[in-house]
N, C-alpha and C. Protein backbone atom coordinates (compact mmCIF):
# COMPACT_ATOMS: atom_id res chain seq x y z
N UNK A 1 0.73 27.59 13.17
CA UNK A 1 -0.57 28.23 13.17
C UNK A 1 -0.55 29.40 12.19
N UNK A 2 -1.55 29.48 11.36
CA UNK A 2 -1.61 30.52 10.35
C UNK A 2 -2.20 31.81 10.91
N UNK A 3 -1.73 32.92 10.35
CA UNK A 3 -2.28 34.22 10.74
C UNK A 3 -3.64 34.40 10.09
N UNK A 4 -4.36 35.41 10.54
CA UNK A 4 -5.67 35.70 9.95
C UNK A 4 -5.53 36.02 8.48
N UNK A 5 -4.46 36.72 8.12
CA UNK A 5 -4.23 37.07 6.72
C UNK A 5 -4.01 35.80 5.89
N UNK A 6 -3.17 34.91 6.37
CA UNK A 6 -2.90 33.66 5.64
C UNK A 6 -4.16 32.82 5.51
N UNK A 7 -4.97 32.78 6.54
CA UNK A 7 -6.22 32.03 6.49
C UNK A 7 -7.17 32.63 5.46
N UNK A 8 -7.27 33.95 5.42
CA UNK A 8 -8.15 34.61 4.47
C UNK A 8 -7.71 34.36 3.03
N UNK A 9 -6.41 34.45 2.77
CA UNK A 9 -5.90 34.20 1.42
C UNK A 9 -6.19 32.76 1.01
N UNK A 10 -5.95 31.84 1.92
CA UNK A 10 -6.20 30.43 1.62
C UNK A 10 -7.68 30.17 1.34
N UNK A 11 -8.54 30.73 2.16
CA UNK A 11 -9.98 30.52 1.98
C UNK A 11 -10.46 31.13 0.66
N UNK A 12 -9.91 32.27 0.28
CA UNK A 12 -10.28 32.90 -0.99
C UNK A 12 -9.82 32.04 -2.17
N UNK A 13 -8.62 31.48 -2.07
CA UNK A 13 -8.11 30.63 -3.16
C UNK A 13 -8.90 29.33 -3.29
N UNK A 14 -9.42 28.83 -2.16
CA UNK A 14 -10.23 27.61 -2.18
C UNK A 14 -11.67 27.89 -2.61
N UNK A 15 -12.04 29.16 -2.68
CA UNK A 15 -13.40 29.52 -3.07
C UNK A 15 -14.38 29.59 -1.92
N UNK A 16 -13.89 29.48 -0.69
CA UNK A 16 -14.75 29.54 0.49
C UNK A 16 -14.99 30.95 0.99
N UNK A 17 -14.24 31.92 0.48
CA UNK A 17 -14.36 33.31 0.91
C UNK A 17 -14.46 34.19 -0.32
N UNK A 18 -15.52 34.95 -0.39
CA UNK A 18 -15.67 35.89 -1.50
C UNK A 18 -15.09 37.23 -1.08
N UNK A 19 -14.16 37.72 -1.84
CA UNK A 19 -13.54 39.00 -1.53
C UNK A 19 -14.23 40.10 -2.34
N UNK A 20 -14.23 41.32 -1.81
CA UNK A 20 -14.83 42.43 -2.56
C UNK A 20 -14.04 42.71 -3.83
N UNK A 21 -14.71 43.23 -4.82
CA UNK A 21 -14.02 43.63 -6.05
C UNK A 21 -13.43 45.02 -5.84
N UNK A 22 -12.21 45.18 -6.28
CA UNK A 22 -11.53 46.46 -6.16
C UNK A 22 -11.17 46.91 -7.56
N UNK A 23 -11.65 48.08 -7.93
CA UNK A 23 -11.42 48.59 -9.28
C UNK A 23 -10.48 49.78 -9.24
N UNK A 24 -9.70 49.90 -10.29
CA UNK A 24 -8.83 51.05 -10.47
C UNK A 24 -9.06 51.57 -11.88
N UNK A 25 -8.33 52.58 -12.24
CA UNK A 25 -8.47 53.14 -13.58
C UNK A 25 -8.06 52.13 -14.65
N UNK A 26 -7.19 51.18 -14.27
CA UNK A 26 -6.72 50.18 -15.23
C UNK A 26 -7.54 48.90 -15.20
N UNK A 27 -8.56 48.85 -14.36
CA UNK A 27 -9.40 47.66 -14.26
C UNK A 27 -9.38 47.09 -12.86
N UNK A 28 -9.89 45.87 -12.74
CA UNK A 28 -9.97 45.23 -11.43
C UNK A 28 -8.58 44.79 -10.95
N UNK A 29 -8.35 44.97 -9.64
CA UNK A 29 -7.07 44.58 -9.06
C UNK A 29 -7.30 43.56 -7.95
N UNK A 30 -6.26 42.87 -7.56
CA UNK A 30 -6.31 41.85 -6.52
C UNK A 30 -6.67 42.48 -5.18
N UNK A 31 -7.67 41.92 -4.50
CA UNK A 31 -8.13 42.47 -3.23
C UNK A 31 -7.04 42.43 -2.16
N UNK A 32 -6.34 41.31 -2.04
CA UNK A 32 -5.32 41.20 -0.99
C UNK A 32 -4.12 42.09 -1.30
N UNK A 33 -3.80 42.29 -2.56
CA UNK A 33 -2.75 43.24 -2.92
C UNK A 33 -3.13 44.66 -2.53
N UNK A 34 -4.39 45.00 -2.75
CA UNK A 34 -4.90 46.31 -2.35
C UNK A 34 -4.84 46.46 -0.83
N UNK A 35 -5.27 45.42 -0.13
CA UNK A 35 -5.26 45.44 1.33
C UNK A 35 -3.83 45.62 1.86
N UNK A 36 -2.89 44.90 1.28
CA UNK A 36 -1.49 45.03 1.70
C UNK A 36 -0.97 46.44 1.44
N UNK A 37 -1.33 47.02 0.30
CA UNK A 37 -0.87 48.38 -0.02
C UNK A 37 -1.41 49.40 0.97
N UNK A 38 -2.68 49.28 1.32
CA UNK A 38 -3.28 50.21 2.29
C UNK A 38 -2.64 50.05 3.66
N UNK A 39 -2.44 48.80 4.08
CA UNK A 39 -1.85 48.57 5.40
C UNK A 39 -0.37 48.97 5.43
N UNK A 40 0.32 48.84 4.31
CA UNK A 40 1.71 49.30 4.23
C UNK A 40 1.76 50.82 4.40
N UNK A 41 0.84 51.51 3.75
CA UNK A 41 0.75 52.96 3.89
C UNK A 41 0.48 53.34 5.34
N UNK A 42 -0.53 52.69 5.96
CA UNK A 42 -0.88 52.99 7.35
C UNK A 42 0.27 52.68 8.31
N UNK A 43 0.91 51.54 8.13
CA UNK A 43 2.01 51.15 9.01
C UNK A 43 3.19 52.10 8.85
N UNK A 44 3.44 52.58 7.64
CA UNK A 44 4.50 53.55 7.42
C UNK A 44 4.24 54.86 8.17
N UNK A 45 2.98 55.28 8.15
CA UNK A 45 2.61 56.49 8.88
C UNK A 45 2.79 56.26 10.38
N UNK A 46 2.33 55.10 10.85
CA UNK A 46 2.45 54.79 12.28
C UNK A 46 3.92 54.68 12.69
N UNK A 47 4.76 54.14 11.81
CA UNK A 47 6.19 54.00 12.13
C UNK A 47 6.86 55.36 12.26
N UNK A 48 6.31 56.37 11.60
CA UNK A 48 6.89 57.71 11.71
C UNK A 48 6.37 58.47 12.93
N UNK A 49 5.46 57.82 13.70
CA UNK A 49 5.00 58.43 14.94
C UNK A 49 3.61 59.04 14.89
N UNK A 50 2.96 58.95 13.75
CA UNK A 50 1.61 59.51 13.64
C UNK A 50 0.57 58.40 13.79
N UNK A 51 -0.67 58.80 13.94
CA UNK A 51 -1.76 57.83 14.03
C UNK A 51 -2.60 57.89 12.76
N UNK A 52 -3.34 56.83 12.53
CA UNK A 52 -4.23 56.75 11.37
C UNK A 52 -5.66 56.64 11.86
N UNK A 53 -6.52 57.34 11.21
CA UNK A 53 -7.93 57.29 11.56
C UNK A 53 -8.54 56.00 11.03
N UNK A 54 -9.30 55.33 11.87
CA UNK A 54 -10.04 54.16 11.42
C UNK A 54 -9.33 52.82 11.58
N UNK A 55 -8.05 52.83 11.94
CA UNK A 55 -7.33 51.57 12.14
C UNK A 55 -6.29 51.76 13.23
N UNK A 56 -6.11 50.72 14.01
CA UNK A 56 -5.13 50.77 15.09
C UNK A 56 -3.95 49.86 14.76
N UNK A 57 -2.82 50.19 15.33
CA UNK A 57 -1.62 49.39 15.13
C UNK A 57 -1.84 47.94 15.56
N UNK A 58 -2.52 47.74 16.69
CA UNK A 58 -2.74 46.37 17.17
C UNK A 58 -3.61 45.56 16.21
N UNK A 59 -4.52 46.23 15.47
CA UNK A 59 -5.33 45.52 14.48
C UNK A 59 -4.44 44.94 13.38
N UNK A 60 -3.55 45.77 12.86
CA UNK A 60 -2.63 45.32 11.80
C UNK A 60 -1.68 44.25 12.35
N UNK A 61 -1.16 44.50 13.52
CA UNK A 61 -0.21 43.58 14.15
C UNK A 61 -0.82 42.19 14.34
N UNK A 62 -2.03 42.13 14.85
CA UNK A 62 -2.69 40.86 15.09
C UNK A 62 -3.11 40.16 13.79
N UNK A 63 -3.58 40.91 12.81
CA UNK A 63 -4.04 40.34 11.55
C UNK A 63 -2.91 39.65 10.79
N UNK A 64 -1.72 40.25 10.81
CA UNK A 64 -0.58 39.70 10.08
C UNK A 64 0.36 38.89 10.96
N UNK A 65 0.12 38.83 12.26
CA UNK A 65 0.97 38.07 13.17
C UNK A 65 2.34 38.70 13.38
N UNK A 66 2.40 40.01 13.40
CA UNK A 66 3.67 40.72 13.56
C UNK A 66 4.11 40.70 15.02
N UNK A 67 5.41 40.68 15.23
CA UNK A 67 5.98 40.67 16.58
C UNK A 67 6.76 41.95 16.79
N UNK A 68 6.51 42.61 17.89
CA UNK A 68 7.21 43.84 18.22
C UNK A 68 6.31 44.77 18.98
N UNK A 69 6.91 45.77 19.58
CA UNK A 69 6.13 46.70 20.40
C UNK A 69 5.72 47.95 19.66
N UNK A 70 6.36 48.23 18.53
CA UNK A 70 6.05 49.47 17.82
C UNK A 70 5.89 49.19 16.33
N UNK A 71 5.27 50.14 15.67
CA UNK A 71 5.10 50.02 14.22
C UNK A 71 6.46 50.03 13.52
N UNK A 72 7.38 50.80 14.04
CA UNK A 72 8.71 50.87 13.46
C UNK A 72 9.42 49.52 13.52
N UNK A 73 9.22 48.79 14.61
CA UNK A 73 9.83 47.47 14.77
C UNK A 73 9.15 46.43 13.88
N UNK A 74 7.87 46.60 13.62
CA UNK A 74 7.10 45.61 12.85
C UNK A 74 7.16 45.85 11.34
N UNK A 75 7.52 47.05 10.93
CA UNK A 75 7.52 47.38 9.50
C UNK A 75 8.38 46.44 8.66
N UNK A 76 9.61 46.10 9.06
CA UNK A 76 10.41 45.17 8.24
C UNK A 76 9.75 43.79 8.08
N UNK A 77 9.11 43.30 9.14
CA UNK A 77 8.40 42.02 9.04
C UNK A 77 7.25 42.12 8.05
N UNK A 78 6.54 43.23 8.10
CA UNK A 78 5.41 43.44 7.21
C UNK A 78 5.87 43.50 5.75
N UNK A 79 6.99 44.16 5.51
CA UNK A 79 7.52 44.24 4.14
C UNK A 79 7.90 42.87 3.61
N UNK A 80 8.35 41.98 4.48
CA UNK A 80 8.64 40.60 4.08
C UNK A 80 7.36 39.88 3.68
N UNK A 81 6.27 40.13 4.39
CA UNK A 81 4.98 39.52 4.06
C UNK A 81 4.51 40.02 2.69
N UNK A 82 4.66 41.30 2.44
CA UNK A 82 4.26 41.88 1.15
C UNK A 82 5.07 41.24 0.03
N UNK A 83 6.37 41.13 0.23
CA UNK A 83 7.25 40.54 -0.80
C UNK A 83 6.88 39.07 -1.06
N UNK A 84 6.63 38.32 0.00
CA UNK A 84 6.24 36.92 -0.16
C UNK A 84 4.92 36.78 -0.89
N UNK A 85 3.98 37.66 -0.59
CA UNK A 85 2.69 37.61 -1.29
C UNK A 85 2.85 37.93 -2.77
N UNK A 86 3.64 38.96 -3.07
CA UNK A 86 3.87 39.32 -4.46
C UNK A 86 4.57 38.21 -5.23
N UNK A 87 5.51 37.51 -4.59
CA UNK A 87 6.17 36.39 -5.24
C UNK A 87 5.22 35.23 -5.46
N UNK A 88 4.28 35.03 -4.55
CA UNK A 88 3.31 33.94 -4.71
C UNK A 88 2.37 34.21 -5.89
N UNK A 89 2.13 35.47 -6.19
CA UNK A 89 1.30 35.82 -7.34
C UNK A 89 2.01 35.57 -8.66
N UNK A 90 3.33 35.71 -8.64
CA UNK A 90 4.12 35.58 -9.87
C UNK A 90 4.47 34.14 -10.20
N UNK A 91 4.09 33.19 -9.36
CA UNK A 91 4.41 31.79 -9.63
C UNK A 91 3.52 31.21 -10.67
């Protein structure tokens, strides 16, 4: 069974899901890469014991299918997801 993140990436690649455009100073960037970067930042803060405004740990955990009771326990799994996504872009 695919996670919500995997389903969203697949639907975007098939053209069934339109993702928002994300712009930076260097031009447009990949939406899912941006999303992963923001969630990595938030999860890192949560792993250090702080909270983030506007997002809960359980939201990130459920979206990516992470297993564990704390952000600290889930962070290594999340970093594997980020690495796998980045490798899929480079293929």
